[in-house]
C-alpha atoms as a PDB file:
ATOM      1  CA  UNK A   1       3.068 -46.920  -4.269  1.00  0.00           C
ATOM      2  CA  UNK A   2       3.116 -46.106  -0.532  1.00  0.00           C
ATOM      3  CA  UNK A   3       4.039 -48.652   2.015  1.00  0.00           C
ATOM      4  CA  UNK A   4       2.385 -48.820   5.327  1.00  0.00           C
ATOM      5  CA  UNK A   5       3.562 -50.575   8.450  1.00  0.00           C
ATOM      6  CA  UNK A   6       1.667 -49.345  11.410  1.00  0.00           C
ATOM      7  CA  UNK A   7      -1.771 -49.292  12.216  1.00  0.00           C
ATOM      8  CA  UNK A   8      -1.765 -45.417  13.249  1.00  0.00           C
ATOM      9  CA  UNK A   9      -0.279 -44.802   9.411  1.00  0.00           C
ATOM     10  CA  UNK A  10      -3.011 -47.447   8.184  1.00  0.00           C
ATOM     11  CA  UNK A  11      -5.890 -45.165   9.930  1.00  0.00           C
ATOM     12  CA  UNK A  12      -5.114 -42.063   9.007  1.00  0.00           C
ATOM     13  CA  UNK A  13      -5.391 -43.060   5.070  1.00  0.00           C
ATOM     14  CA  UNK A  14      -8.406 -45.283   5.735  1.00  0.00           C
ATOM     15  CA  UNK A  15      -9.678 -41.512   6.792  1.00  0.00           C
ATOM     16  CA  UNK A  16      -8.197 -39.793   4.167  1.00  0.00           C
ATOM     17  CA  UNK A  17      -9.372 -42.340   0.971  1.00  0.00           C
ATOM     18  CA  UNK A  18     -13.392 -41.602   2.920  1.00  0.00           C
ATOM     19  CA  UNK A  19     -13.966 -45.347   1.877  1.00  0.00           C
ATOM     20  CA  UNK A  20     -17.232 -46.980   2.082  1.00  0.00           C
ATOM     21  CA  UNK A  21     -18.199 -50.629   1.707  1.00  0.00           C
ATOM     22  CA  UNK A  22     -18.831 -51.993  -1.440  1.00  0.00           C
ATOM     23  CA  UNK A  23     -22.558 -52.189  -3.282  1.00  0.00           C
ATOM     24  CA  UNK A  24     -24.239 -54.068  -5.580  1.00  0.00           C
ATOM     25  CA  UNK A  25     -23.129 -51.781  -8.177  1.00  0.00           C
ATOM     26  CA  UNK A  26     -19.563 -52.632  -7.489  1.00  0.00           C
ATOM     27  CA  UNK A  27     -18.219 -53.801 -10.330  1.00  0.00           C
ATOM     28  CA  UNK A  28     -15.026 -55.567 -11.450  1.00  0.00           C
ATOM     29  CA  UNK A  29     -16.114 -56.698 -15.227  1.00  0.00           C
ATOM     30  CA  UNK A  30     -12.503 -55.178 -16.621  1.00  0.00           C
ATOM     31  CA  UNK A  31     -10.369 -56.623 -19.407  1.00  0.00           C
ATOM     32  CA  UNK A  32      -7.686 -59.294 -18.376  1.00  0.00           C
ATOM     33  CA  UNK A  33      -5.115 -56.784 -19.120  1.00  0.00           C
ATOM     34  CA  UNK A  34      -6.321 -54.477 -16.208  1.00  0.00           C
ATOM     35  CA  UNK A  35      -3.751 -55.358 -13.165  1.00  0.00           C
ATOM     36  CA  UNK A  36      -2.608 -53.680 -10.148  1.00  0.00           C
ATOM     37  CA  UNK A  37       0.291 -53.394  -8.669  1.00  0.00           C
ATOM     38  CA  UNK A  38       0.002 -55.463  -5.181  1.00  0.00           C
ATOM     39  CA  UNK A  39       2.176 -54.956  -2.067  1.00  0.00           C
ATOM     40  CA  UNK A  40       3.426 -58.568  -2.415  1.00  0.00           C
ATOM     41  CA  UNK A  41       5.203 -57.505  -4.842  1.00  0.00           C
ATOM     42  CA  UNK A  42       2.838 -59.264  -7.924  1.00  0.00           C
ATOM     43  CA  UNK A  43       0.176 -57.545 -10.142  1.00  0.00           C
ATOM     44  CA  UNK A  44      -2.887 -59.030  -9.946  1.00  0.00           C
ATOM     45  CA  UNK A  45      -5.661 -58.629 -12.516  1.00  0.00           C
ATOM     46  CA  UNK A  46      -8.501 -56.587 -11.078  1.00  0.00           C
ATOM     47  CA  UNK A  47     -10.945 -59.009 -12.233  1.00  0.00           C
ATOM     48  CA  UNK A  48      -9.704 -61.966 -10.486  1.00  0.00           C
ATOM     49  CA  UNK A  49     -12.347 -63.660  -7.956  1.00  0.00           C
ATOM     50  CA  UNK A  50      -9.781 -64.325  -5.706  1.00  0.00           C
ATOM     51  CA  UNK A  51      -9.027 -61.265  -4.630  1.00  0.00           C
ATOM     52  CA  UNK A  52     -11.508 -59.279  -2.026  1.00  0.00           C
ATOM     53  CA  UNK A  53     -12.856 -56.466  -2.248  1.00  0.00           C
ATOM     54  CA  UNK A  54     -13.143 -54.530   1.319  1.00  0.00           C
ATOM     55  CA  UNK A  55     -13.847 -50.949   0.408  1.00  0.00           C
ATOM     56  CA  UNK A  56     -14.614 -48.750  -2.412  1.00  0.00           C
ATOM     57  CA  UNK A  57     -14.024 -44.980  -3.164  1.00  0.00           C
ATOM     58  CA  UNK A  58     -15.081 -42.160  -5.662  1.00  0.00           C
ATOM     59  CA  UNK A  59     -14.250 -42.404  -8.377  1.00  0.00           C
ATOM     60  CA  UNK A  60     -13.418 -45.905  -9.403  1.00  0.00           C
ATOM     61  CA  UNK A  61     -11.275 -46.841  -6.577  1.00  0.00           C
ATOM     62  CA  UNK A  62     -10.699 -49.970  -4.696  1.00  0.00           C
ATOM     63  CA  UNK A  63      -9.156 -51.902  -1.337  1.00  0.00           C
ATOM     64  CA  UNK A  64      -8.154 -55.212  -2.338  1.00  0.00           C
ATOM     65  CA  UNK A  65      -7.358 -58.058  -0.485  1.00  0.00           C
ATOM     66  CA  UNK A  66      -5.029 -60.461  -2.806  1.00  0.00           C
ATOM     67  CA  UNK A  67      -4.538 -64.273  -1.871  1.00  0.00           C
ATOM     68  CA  UNK A  68      -0.803 -63.310  -0.670  1.00  0.00           C
ATOM     69  CA  UNK A  69      -2.075 -61.457   2.159  1.00  0.00           C
ATOM     70  CA  UNK A  70      -1.875 -58.132   1.241  1.00  0.00           C
ATOM     71  CA  UNK A  71      -4.173 -55.182   1.333  1.00  0.00           C
ATOM     72  CA  UNK A  72      -3.605 -52.464  -1.549  1.00  0.00           C
ATOM     73  CA  UNK A  73      -5.973 -49.494  -2.457  1.00  0.00           C
ATOM     74  CA  UNK A  74      -5.870 -48.590  -6.214  1.00  0.00           C
ATOM     75  CA  UNK A  75      -7.779 -46.253  -8.876  1.00  0.00           C
ATOM     76  CA  UNK A  76      -8.664 -47.207 -12.524  1.00  0.00           C
ATOM     77  CA  UNK A  77      -8.574 -44.207 -14.635  1.00  0.00           C
ATOM     78  CA  UNK A  78      -9.674 -44.290 -18.142  1.00  0.00           C
ATOM     79  CA  UNK A  79     -12.693 -45.265 -20.679  1.00  0.00           C
ATOM     80  CA  UNK A  80     -11.444 -47.140 -23.742  1.00  0.00           C
ATOM     81  CA  UNK A  81      -8.362 -47.584 -22.350  1.00  0.00           C
ATOM     82  CA  UNK A  82      -7.696 -48.109 -18.522  1.00  0.00           C
ATOM     83  CA  UNK A  83      -4.868 -47.278 -16.185  1.00  0.00           C
ATOM     84  CA  UNK A  84      -4.146 -48.393 -12.789  1.00  0.00           C
ATOM     85  CA  UNK A  85      -2.404 -46.085  -9.857  1.00  0.00           C
ATOM     86  CA  UNK A  86      -1.631 -47.762  -6.627  1.00  0.00           C
ATOM     87  CA  UNK A  87      -1.804 -45.778  -4.061  1.00  0.00           C
ATOM     88  CA  UNK A  88      -0.486 -47.660  -0.734  1.00  0.00           C
ATOM     89  CA  UNK A  89      -0.604 -51.136   0.304  1.00  0.00           C
ATOM     90  CA  UNK A  90      -0.088 -53.040   3.652  1.00  0.00           C
ATOM     91  CA  UNK A  91      -0.287 -56.189   5.109  1.00  0.00           C
ATOM     92  CA  UNK A  92      -3.660 -57.963   5.982  1.00  0.00           C
ATOM     93  CA  UNK A  93      -3.097 -58.370   9.364  1.00  0.00           C
ATOM     94  CA  UNK A  94      -2.114 -55.298  10.022  1.00  0.00           C
ATOM     95  CA  UNK A  95      -4.974 -53.745   8.307  1.00  0.00           C
ATOM     96  CA  UNK A  96      -6.976 -55.763   9.938  1.00  0.00           C
ATOM     97  CA  UNK A  97      -5.793 -54.397  13.451  1.00  0.00           C
ATOM     98  CA  UNK A  98      -6.031 -50.899  12.264  1.00  0.00           C
ATOM     99  CA  UNK A  99      -9.725 -51.902  11.422  1.00  0.00           C
ATOM    100  CA  UNK A 100     -10.496 -53.403  15.084  1.00  0.00           C
ATOM    101  CA  UNK A 101      -8.399 -50.235  16.938  1.00  0.00           C
ATOM    102  CA  UNK A 102     -11.254 -48.239  14.752  1.00  0.00           C
ATOM    103  CA  UNK A 103     -13.703 -50.675  16.063  1.00  0.00           C
ATOM    104  CA  UNK A 104     -14.959 -51.899  12.424  1.00  0.00           C
ATOM    105  CA  UNK A 105     -16.202 -55.464  12.144  1.00  0.00           C
ATOM    106  CA  UNK A 106     -15.047 -57.395   9.247  1.00  0.00           C
END
């Protein structure tokens, strides 16, 4: 997993990921065993209601903000058995600074 420390690095991956806001079809109704590796060095359940879905990308990719102040971009693959791959992570504050630089309100 890539750890992003600068606003410019975050802006670059935001554009590469082609992120969209969550919509009414966005679902995290996965088994409790489906977890993602987070930048806070913990594994979080995808269905944990304390995580905030910031954005989505296709197919089945999420940007989630955890309760410990980290944002992580990950993908879920598989139908009967899901596998999660975390691509990048950053501190929530740095992610917010990147959004502000892009003029995105949150």
